[in-house]
């Protein structure tokens, strides 16, 4: 999360989040679980880079409805919850 904090100084969409920042923090937490699992399964950072790039393209697009980033973040949260609940990775 700390890595993203400087973006609040210049990223207008971050600045407009308001209370949505709570969901953002939750999504970051579960996103890190998902990316950690992906790294453990692949042994490479390449899938993580691709995943994060696609995630950013979808969630930061000005051409998609405002609901899309929330839905995508919700999917990431559900995946993270699922992975935490798995007996072993």
PDB file of N, CA and C in Angstrom:
ATOM      1  N   UNK A   1       0.826  -1.184   0.000  1.00  0.00           N
ATOM      2  CA  UNK A   1       0.000   0.000   0.000  1.00  0.00           C
ATOM      3  C   UNK A   1       0.872   1.250   0.000  1.00  0.00           C
ATOM      4  N   UNK A   2       1.972   1.220   0.751  1.00  0.00           N
ATOM      5  CA  UNK A   2       2.835   2.394   0.835  1.00  0.00           C
ATOM      6  C   UNK A   2       3.366   2.807  -0.531  1.00  0.00           C
ATOM      7  N   UNK A   3       3.599   1.837  -1.397  1.00  0.00           N
ATOM      8  CA  UNK A   3       4.088   2.118  -2.733  1.00  0.00           C
ATOM      9  C   UNK A   3       3.113   3.018  -3.488  1.00  0.00           C
ATOM     10  N   UNK A   4       1.822   2.859  -3.265  1.00  0.00           N
ATOM     11  CA  UNK A   4       0.798   3.617  -3.983  1.00  0.00           C
ATOM     12  C   UNK A   4       0.512   4.988  -3.371  1.00  0.00           C
ATOM     13  N   UNK A   5       0.909   5.222  -2.138  1.00  0.00           N
ATOM     14  CA  UNK A   5       0.570   6.474  -1.454  1.00  0.00           C
ATOM     15  C   UNK A   5       1.004   7.747  -2.187  1.00  0.00           C
ATOM     16  N   UNK A   6       2.190   7.801  -2.805  1.00  0.00           N
ATOM     17  CA  UNK A   6       2.553   9.031  -3.514  1.00  0.00           C
ATOM     18  C   UNK A   6       1.578   9.408  -4.633  1.00  0.00           C
ATOM     19  N   UNK A   7       0.867   8.430  -5.170  1.00  0.00           N
ATOM     20  CA  UNK A   7      -0.085   8.718  -6.243  1.00  0.00           C
ATOM     21  C   UNK A   7      -1.217   9.634  -5.775  1.00  0.00           C
ATOM     22  N   UNK A   8      -1.474   9.670  -4.478  1.00  0.00           N
ATOM     23  CA  UNK A   8      -2.522  10.558  -3.971  1.00  0.00           C
ATOM     24  C   UNK A   8      -2.160  12.028  -4.156  1.00  0.00           C
ATOM     25  N   UNK A   9      -0.888  12.327  -4.386  1.00  0.00           N
ATOM     26  CA  UNK A   9      -0.450  13.711  -4.589  1.00  0.00           C
ATOM     27  C   UNK A   9      -0.765  14.204  -5.998  1.00  0.00           C
ATOM     28  N   UNK A  10      -0.887  13.279  -6.970  1.00  0.00           N
ATOM     29  CA  UNK A  10      -1.066  13.721  -8.356  1.00  0.00           C
ATOM     30  C   UNK A  10      -2.180  13.017  -9.121  1.00  0.00           C
ATOM     31  N   UNK A  11      -2.657  11.885  -8.647  1.00  0.00           N
ATOM     32  CA  UNK A  11      -3.670  11.117  -9.368  1.00  0.00           C
ATOM     33  C   UNK A  11      -5.056  11.574  -8.938  1.00  0.00           C
ATOM     34  N   UNK A  12      -5.763  12.199  -9.862  1.00  0.00           N
ATOM     35  CA  UNK A  12      -7.074  12.766  -9.549  1.00  0.00           C
ATOM     36  C   UNK A  12      -8.081  11.704  -9.115  1.00  0.00           C
ATOM     37  N   UNK A  13      -8.032  10.530  -9.734  1.00  0.00           N
ATOM     38  CA  UNK A  13      -8.991   9.486  -9.352  1.00  0.00           C
ATOM     39  C   UNK A  13      -8.730   8.991  -7.932  1.00  0.00           C
ATOM     40  N   UNK A  14      -7.471   8.951  -7.512  1.00  0.00           N
ATOM     41  CA  UNK A  14      -7.150   8.581  -6.132  1.00  0.00           C
ATOM     42  C   UNK A  14      -7.681   9.647  -5.177  1.00  0.00           C
ATOM     43  N   UNK A  15      -7.478  10.904  -5.541  1.00  0.00           N
ATOM     44  CA  UNK A  15      -7.892  12.011  -4.687  1.00  0.00           C
ATOM     45  C   UNK A  15      -9.404  12.071  -4.516  1.00  0.00           C
ATOM     46  N   UNK A  16     -10.152  11.593  -5.497  1.00  0.00           N
ATOM     47  CA  UNK A  16     -11.618  11.640  -5.454  1.00  0.00           C
ATOM     48  C   UNK A  16     -12.238  10.417  -4.779  1.00  0.00           C
ATOM     49  N   UNK A  17     -11.426   9.490  -4.318  1.00  0.00           N
ATOM     50  CA  UNK A  17     -11.956   8.250  -3.735  1.00  0.00           C
ATOM     51  C   UNK A  17     -12.773   8.474  -2.476  1.00  0.00           C
ATOM     52  N   UNK A  18     -12.411   9.434  -1.674  1.00  0.00           N
ATOM     53  CA  UNK A  18     -13.131   9.645  -0.417  1.00  0.00           C
ATOM     54  C   UNK A  18     -13.106   8.394   0.436  1.00  0.00           C
ATOM     55  N   UNK A  19     -14.290   7.992   0.896  1.00  0.00           N
ATOM     56  CA  UNK A  19     -14.386   6.780   1.727  1.00  0.00           C
ATOM     57  C   UNK A  19     -14.111   5.514   0.931  1.00  0.00           C
ATOM     58  N   UNK A  20     -14.098   5.626  -0.388  1.00  0.00           N
ATOM     59  CA  UNK A  20     -13.768   4.476  -1.223  1.00  0.00           C
ATOM     60  C   UNK A  20     -12.355   3.974  -0.997  1.00  0.00           C
ATOM     61  N   UNK A  21     -11.545   4.794  -0.334  1.00  0.00           N
ATOM     62  CA  UNK A  21     -10.179   4.390  -0.030  1.00  0.00           C
ATOM     63  C   UNK A  21     -10.159   3.152   0.872  1.00  0.00           C
ATOM     64  N   UNK A  22     -11.200   2.953   1.652  1.00  0.00           N
ATOM     65  CA  UNK A  22     -11.291   1.753   2.506  1.00  0.00           C
ATOM     66  C   UNK A  22     -11.360   0.505   1.628  1.00  0.00           C
ATOM     67  N   UNK A  23     -12.209   0.542   0.606  1.00  0.00           N
ATOM     68  CA  UNK A  23     -12.292  -0.575  -0.336  1.00  0.00           C
ATOM     69  C   UNK A  23     -10.995  -0.761  -1.098  1.00  0.00           C
ATOM     70  N   UNK A  24     -10.340   0.351  -1.395  1.00  0.00           N
ATOM     71  CA  UNK A  24      -9.058   0.310  -2.099  1.00  0.00           C
ATOM     72  C   UNK A  24      -8.024  -0.434  -1.261  1.00  0.00           C
ATOM     73  N   UNK A  25      -7.962  -0.132   0.039  1.00  0.00           N
ATOM     74  CA  UNK A  25      -7.007  -0.793   0.935  1.00  0.00           C
ATOM     75  C   UNK A  25      -7.326  -2.286   1.046  1.00  0.00           C
ATOM     76  N   UNK A  26      -8.593  -2.615   1.172  1.00  0.00           N
ATOM     77  CA  UNK A  26      -8.999  -4.027   1.255  1.00  0.00           C
ATOM     78  C   UNK A  26      -8.621  -4.753  -0.033  1.00  0.00           C
ATOM     79  N   UNK A  27      -8.885  -4.103  -1.162  1.00  0.00           N
ATOM     80  CA  UNK A  27      -8.553  -4.690  -2.457  1.00  0.00           C
ATOM     81  C   UNK A  27      -7.043  -4.885  -2.600  1.00  0.00           C
ATOM     82  N   UNK A  28      -6.259  -3.921  -2.127  1.00  0.00           N
ATOM     83  CA  UNK A  28      -4.804  -4.065  -2.173  1.00  0.00           C
ATOM     84  C   UNK A  28      -4.337  -5.259  -1.344  1.00  0.00           C
ATOM     85  N   UNK A  29      -4.931  -5.424  -0.176  1.00  0.00           N
ATOM     86  CA  UNK A  29      -4.549  -6.544   0.683  1.00  0.00           C
ATOM     87  C   UNK A  29      -4.809  -7.876  -0.019  1.00  0.00           C
ATOM     88  N   UNK A  30      -6.034  -8.058  -0.493  1.00  0.00           N
ATOM     89  CA  UNK A  30      -6.369  -9.326  -1.134  1.00  0.00           C
ATOM     90  C   UNK A  30      -5.690  -9.476  -2.488  1.00  0.00           C
ATOM     91  N   UNK A  31      -5.418  -8.354  -3.151  1.00  0.00           N
ATOM     92  CA  UNK A  31      -4.637  -8.413  -4.384  1.00  0.00           C
ATOM     93  C   UNK A  31      -3.235  -8.911  -4.123  1.00  0.00           C
ATOM     94  N   UNK A  32      -2.656  -8.524  -2.994  1.00  0.00           N
ATOM     95  CA  UNK A  32      -1.315  -9.008  -2.658  1.00  0.00           C
ATOM     96  C   UNK A  32      -1.342 -10.504  -2.357  1.00  0.00           C
ATOM     97  N   UNK A  33      -2.432 -10.981  -1.763  1.00  0.00           N
ATOM     98  CA  UNK A  33      -2.581 -12.426  -1.536  1.00  0.00           C
ATOM     99  C   UNK A  33      -2.628 -13.145  -2.881  1.00  0.00           C
ATOM    100  N   UNK A  34      -3.431 -12.627  -3.796  1.00  0.00           N
ATOM    101  CA  UNK A  34      -3.573 -13.232  -5.122  1.00  0.00           C
ATOM    102  C   UNK A  34      -2.241 -13.224  -5.872  1.00  0.00           C
ATOM    103  N   UNK A  35      -1.542 -12.096  -5.848  1.00  0.00           N
ATOM    104  CA  UNK A  35      -0.262 -12.018  -6.556  1.00  0.00           C
ATOM    105  C   UNK A  35       0.800 -12.893  -5.891  1.00  0.00           C
ATOM    106  N   UNK A  36       0.756 -13.011  -4.569  1.00  0.00           N
ATOM    107  CA  UNK A  36       1.673 -13.909  -3.877  1.00  0.00           C
ATOM    108  C   UNK A  36       1.443 -15.348  -4.291  1.00  0.00           C
ATOM    109  N   UNK A  37       0.177 -15.741  -4.365  1.00  0.00           N
ATOM    110  CA  UNK A  37      -0.173 -17.094  -4.804  1.00  0.00           C
ATOM    111  C   UNK A  37       0.292 -17.321  -6.242  1.00  0.00           C
ATOM    112  N   UNK A  38       0.051 -16.330  -7.093  1.00  0.00           N
ATOM    113  CA  UNK A  38       0.445 -16.443  -8.492  1.00  0.00           C
ATOM    114  C   UNK A  38       1.959 -16.605  -8.634  1.00  0.00           C
ATOM    115  N   UNK A  39       2.705 -15.871  -7.820  1.00  0.00           N
ATOM    116  CA  UNK A  39       4.164 -16.017  -7.854  1.00  0.00           C
ATOM    117  C   UNK A  39       4.593 -17.400  -7.370  1.00  0.00           C
ATOM    118  N   UNK A  40       3.983 -17.872  -6.285  1.00  0.00           N
ATOM    119  CA  UNK A  40       4.343 -19.195  -5.767  1.00  0.00           C
ATOM    120  C   UNK A  40       4.050 -20.292  -6.785  1.00  0.00           C
ATOM    121  N   UNK A  41       2.963 -20.149  -7.517  1.00  0.00           N
ATOM    122  CA  UNK A  41       2.595 -21.162  -8.517  1.00  0.00           C
ATOM    123  C   UNK A  41       3.451 -21.083  -9.769  1.00  0.00           C
ATOM    124  N   UNK A  42       3.828 -19.875 -10.171  1.00  0.00           N
ATOM    125  CA  UNK A  42       4.560 -19.716 -11.430  1.00  0.00           C
ATOM    126  C   UNK A  42       6.072 -19.674 -11.236  1.00  0.00           C
ATOM    127  N   UNK A  43       6.527 -19.166 -10.086  1.00  0.00           N
ATOM    128  CA  UNK A  43       7.952 -19.011  -9.851  1.00  0.00           C
ATOM    129  C   UNK A  43       8.568 -17.856 -10.624  1.00  0.00           C
ATOM    130  N   UNK A  44       7.735 -16.995 -11.164  1.00  0.00           N
ATOM    131  CA  UNK A  44       8.217 -15.893 -11.989  1.00  0.00           C
ATOM    132  C   UNK A  44       7.395 -14.633 -11.724  1.00  0.00           C
ATOM    133  N   UNK A  45       8.008 -13.480 -11.929  1.00  0.00           N
ATOM    134  CA  UNK A  45       7.268 -12.226 -11.782  1.00  0.00           C
ATOM    135  C   UNK A  45       6.536 -11.843 -13.068  1.00  0.00           C
ATOM    136  N   UNK A  46       6.819 -12.509 -14.175  1.00  0.00           N
ATOM    137  CA  UNK A  46       6.199 -12.160 -15.457  1.00  0.00           C
ATOM    138  C   UNK A  46       4.670 -12.259 -15.396  1.00  0.00           C
ATOM    139  N   UNK A  47       4.087 -13.346 -14.882  1.00  0.00           N
ATOM    140  CA  UNK A  47       2.625 -13.385 -14.780  1.00  0.00           C
ATOM    141  C   UNK A  47       2.060 -12.258 -13.898  1.00  0.00           C
ATOM    142  N   UNK A  48       2.816 -11.862 -12.870  1.00  0.00           N
ATOM    143  CA  UNK A  48       2.375 -10.780 -11.988  1.00  0.00           C
ATOM    144  C   UNK A  48       2.356  -9.452 -12.737  1.00  0.00           C
ATOM    145  N   UNK A  49       3.389  -9.218 -13.531  1.00  0.00           N
ATOM    146  CA  UNK A  49       3.455  -7.996 -14.317  1.00  0.00           C
ATOM    147  C   UNK A  49       2.297  -7.937 -15.305  1.00  0.00           C
ATOM    148  N   UNK A  50       2.034  -9.040 -15.973  1.00  0.00           N
ATOM    149  CA  UNK A  50       0.925  -9.092 -16.935  1.00  0.00           C
ATOM    150  C   UNK A  50      -0.402  -8.892 -16.221  1.00  0.00           C
ATOM    151  N   UNK A  51      -0.607  -9.591 -15.112  1.00  0.00           N
ATOM    152  CA  UNK A  51      -1.859  -9.464 -14.363  1.00  0.00           C
ATOM    153  C   UNK A  51      -2.072  -8.023 -13.922  1.00  0.00           C
ATOM    154  N   UNK A  52      -1.052  -7.414 -13.351  1.00  0.00           N
ATOM    155  CA  UNK A  52      -1.181  -6.054 -12.837  1.00  0.00           C
ATOM    156  C   UNK A  52      -1.430  -5.064 -13.979  1.00  0.00           C
ATOM    157  N   UNK A  53      -0.771  -5.264 -15.106  1.00  0.00           N
ATOM    158  CA  UNK A  53      -0.991  -4.395 -16.259  1.00  0.00           C
ATOM    159  C   UNK A  53      -2.411  -4.469 -16.773  1.00  0.00           C
ATOM    160  N   UNK A  54      -2.946  -5.678 -16.898  1.00  0.00           N
ATOM    161  CA  UNK A  54      -4.329  -5.852 -17.349  1.00  0.00           C
ATOM    162  C   UNK A  54      -5.303  -5.274 -16.320  1.00  0.00           C
ATOM    163  N   UNK A  55      -5.030  -5.518 -15.049  1.00  0.00           N
ATOM    164  CA  UNK A  55      -5.878  -4.975 -13.985  1.00  0.00           C
ATOM    165  C   UNK A  55      -5.912  -3.450 -14.066  1.00  0.00           C
ATOM    166  N   UNK A  56      -4.749  -2.827 -14.218  1.00  0.00           N
ATOM    167  CA  UNK A  56      -4.691  -1.365 -14.309  1.00  0.00           C
ATOM    168  C   UNK A  56      -5.398  -0.846 -15.554  1.00  0.00           C
ATOM    169  N   UNK A  57      -5.245  -1.537 -16.678  1.00  0.00           N
ATOM    170  CA  UNK A  57      -5.935  -1.112 -17.897  1.00  0.00           C
ATOM    171  C   UNK A  57      -7.453  -1.114 -17.715  1.00  0.00           C
ATOM    172  N   UNK A  58      -7.946  -2.142 -17.052  1.00  0.00           N
ATOM    173  CA  UNK A  58      -9.396  -2.254 -16.856  1.00  0.00           C
ATOM    174  C   UNK A  58      -9.893  -1.263 -15.812  1.00  0.00           C
ATOM    175  N   UNK A  59      -9.209  -1.198 -14.682  1.00  0.00           N
ATOM    176  CA  UNK A  59      -9.733  -0.385 -13.583  1.00  0.00           C
ATOM    177  C   UNK A  59      -9.465   1.109 -13.759  1.00  0.00           C
ATOM    178  N   UNK A  60      -8.489   1.481 -14.559  1.00  0.00           N
ATOM    179  CA  UNK A  60      -8.167   2.900 -14.730  1.00  0.00           C
ATOM    180  C   UNK A  60      -8.679   3.474 -16.042  1.00  0.00           C
ATOM    181  N   UNK A  61      -9.395   2.685 -16.814  1.00  0.00           N
ATOM    182  CA  UNK A  61      -9.884   3.144 -18.111  1.00  0.00           C
ATOM    183  C   UNK A  61     -10.966   4.207 -17.957  1.00  0.00           C
ATOM    184  N   UNK A  62     -10.839   5.255 -18.747  1.00  0.00           N
ATOM    185  CA  UNK A  62     -11.868   6.294 -18.768  1.00  0.00           C
ATOM    186  C   UNK A  62     -13.027   5.918 -19.677  1.00  0.00           C
ATOM    187  N   UNK A  63     -12.905   4.798 -20.396  1.00  0.00           N
ATOM    188  CA  UNK A  63     -13.902   4.403 -21.382  1.00  0.00           C
ATOM    189  C   UNK A  63     -14.857   3.330 -20.881  1.00  0.00           C
ATOM    190  N   UNK A  64     -14.725   2.953 -19.642  1.00  0.00           N
ATOM    191  CA  UNK A  64     -15.605   1.943 -19.064  1.00  0.00           C
ATOM    192  C   UNK A  64     -16.469   2.585 -17.985  1.00  0.00           C
ATOM    193  N   UNK A  65     -17.648   2.017 -17.731  1.00  0.00           N
ATOM    194  CA  UNK A  65     -18.511   2.567 -16.673  1.00  0.00           C
ATOM    195  C   UNK A  65     -17.809   2.555 -15.310  1.00  0.00           C
ATOM    196  N   UNK A  66     -18.197   3.470 -14.442  1.00  0.00           N
ATOM    197  CA  UNK A  66     -17.585   3.585 -13.106  1.00  0.00           C
ATOM    198  C   UNK A  66     -17.745   2.324 -12.269  1.00  0.00           C
ATOM    199  N   UNK A  67     -18.731   1.517 -12.578  1.00  0.00           N
ATOM    200  CA  UNK A  67     -18.978   0.294 -11.814  1.00  0.00           C
ATOM    201  C   UNK A  67     -17.912  -0.779 -12.075  1.00  0.00           C
ATOM    202  N   UNK A  68     -17.282  -0.735 -13.235  1.00  0.00           N
ATOM    203  CA  UNK A  68     -16.329  -1.778 -13.622  1.00  0.00           C
ATOM    204  C   UNK A  68     -15.176  -1.914 -12.624  1.00  0.00           C
ATOM    205  N   UNK A  69     -14.494  -0.831 -12.225  1.00  0.00           N
ATOM    206  CA  UNK A  69     -13.407  -1.015 -11.247  1.00  0.00           C
ATOM    207  C   UNK A  69     -13.882  -1.629  -9.931  1.00  0.00           C
ATOM    208  N   UNK A  70     -15.071  -1.261  -9.495  1.00  0.00           N
ATOM    209  CA  UNK A  70     -15.597  -1.832  -8.251  1.00  0.00           C
ATOM    210  C   UNK A  70     -15.861  -3.323  -8.399  1.00  0.00           C
ATOM    211  N   UNK A  71     -16.408  -3.719  -9.529  1.00  0.00           N
ATOM    212  CA  UNK A  71     -16.694  -5.140  -9.761  1.00  0.00           C
ATOM    213  C   UNK A  71     -15.388  -5.934  -9.855  1.00  0.00           C
ATOM    214  N   UNK A  72     -14.427  -5.417 -10.603  1.00  0.00           N
ATOM    215  CA  UNK A  72     -13.148  -6.101 -10.750  1.00  0.00           C
ATOM    216  C   UNK A  72     -12.449  -6.208  -9.393  1.00  0.00           C
ATOM    217  N   UNK A  73     -12.467  -5.137  -8.619  1.00  0.00           N
ATOM    218  CA  UNK A  73     -11.862  -5.173  -7.287  1.00  0.00           C
ATOM    219  C   UNK A  73     -12.585  -6.175  -6.394  1.00  0.00           C
ATOM    220  N   UNK A  74     -13.898  -6.264  -6.525  1.00  0.00           N
ATOM    221  CA  UNK A  74     -14.671  -7.243  -5.763  1.00  0.00           C
ATOM    222  C   UNK A  74     -14.266  -8.671  -6.113  1.00  0.00           C
ATOM    223  N   UNK A  75     -14.020  -8.907  -7.396  1.00  0.00           N
ATOM    224  CA  UNK A  75     -13.569 -10.241  -7.830  1.00  0.00           C
ATOM    225  C   UNK A  75     -12.200 -10.552  -7.220  1.00  0.00           C
ATOM    226  N   UNK A  76     -11.300  -9.566  -7.217  1.00  0.00           N
ATOM    227  CA  UNK A  76      -9.973  -9.761  -6.626  1.00  0.00           C
ATOM    228  C   UNK A  76     -10.104 -10.081  -5.135  1.00  0.00           C
ATOM    229  N   UNK A  77     -10.969  -9.365  -4.440  1.00  0.00           N
ATOM    230  CA  UNK A  77     -11.191  -9.608  -3.017  1.00  0.00           C
ATOM    231  C   UNK A  77     -11.713 -11.027  -2.784  1.00  0.00           C
ATOM    232  N   UNK A  78     -12.687 -11.440  -3.585  1.00  0.00           N
ATOM    233  CA  UNK A  78     -13.239 -12.792  -3.437  1.00  0.00           C
ATOM    234  C   UNK A  78     -12.172 -13.853  -3.714  1.00  0.00           C
ATOM    235  N   UNK A  79     -11.316 -13.621  -4.717  1.00  0.00           N
ATOM    236  CA  UNK A  79     -10.237 -14.571  -5.002  1.00  0.00           C
ATOM    237  C   UNK A  79      -9.259 -14.645  -3.834  1.00  0.00           C
ATOM    238  N   UNK A  80      -8.926 -13.490  -3.271  1.00  0.00           N
ATOM    239  CA  UNK A  80      -8.014 -13.467  -2.127  1.00  0.00           C
ATOM    240  C   UNK A  80      -8.588 -14.185  -0.921  1.00  0.00           C
ATOM    241  N   UNK A  81      -9.872 -13.960  -0.658  1.00  0.00           N
ATOM    242  CA  UNK A  81     -10.535 -14.646   0.462  1.00  0.00           C
ATOM    243  C   UNK A  81     -10.513 -16.151   0.234  1.00  0.00           C
ATOM    244  N   UNK A  82     -10.804 -16.559  -0.991  1.00  0.00           N
ATOM    245  CA  UNK A  82     -10.778 -17.986  -1.327  1.00  0.00           C
ATOM    246  C   UNK A  82      -9.387 -18.577  -1.087  1.00  0.00           C
ATOM    247  N   UNK A  83      -8.356 -17.856  -1.559  1.00  0.00           N
ATOM    248  CA  UNK A  83      -6.994 -18.380  -1.428  1.00  0.00           C
ATOM    249  C   UNK A  83      -6.551 -18.450   0.037  1.00  0.00           C
ATOM    250  N   UNK A  84      -6.938 -17.476   0.840  1.00  0.00           N
ATOM    251  CA  UNK A  84      -6.587 -17.525   2.256  1.00  0.00           C
ATOM    252  C   UNK A  84      -7.254 -18.715   2.931  1.00  0.00           C
ATOM    253  N   UNK A  85      -8.445 -19.069   2.489  1.00  0.00           N
ATOM    254  CA  UNK A  85      -9.178 -20.178   3.083  1.00  0.00           C
ATOM    255  C   UNK A  85      -8.728 -21.560   2.623  1.00  0.00           C
ATOM    256  N   UNK A  86      -7.911 -21.604   1.565  1.00  0.00           N
ATOM    257  CA  UNK A  86      -7.427 -22.900   1.081  1.00  0.00           C
ATOM    258  C   UNK A  86      -6.441 -23.492   2.086  1.00  0.00           C
ATOM    259  N   UNK A  87      -6.513 -24.794   2.324  1.00  0.00           N
ATOM    260  CA  UNK A  87      -5.604 -25.421   3.288  1.00  0.00           C
ATOM    261  C   UNK A  87      -4.130 -25.256   2.918  1.00  0.00           C
ATOM    262  N   UNK A  88      -3.819 -25.365   1.638  1.00  0.00           N
ATOM    263  CA  UNK A  88      -2.414 -25.169   1.233  1.00  0.00           C
ATOM    264  C   UNK A  88      -2.398 -24.556  -0.158  1.00  0.00           C
ATOM    265  N   UNK A  89      -1.384 -23.773  -0.366  1.00  0.00           N
ATOM    266  CA  UNK A  89      -1.240 -23.138  -1.674  1.00  0.00           C
ATOM    267  C   UNK A  89      -0.447 -24.064  -2.548  1.00  0.00           C
TER     268      UNK A  89
END
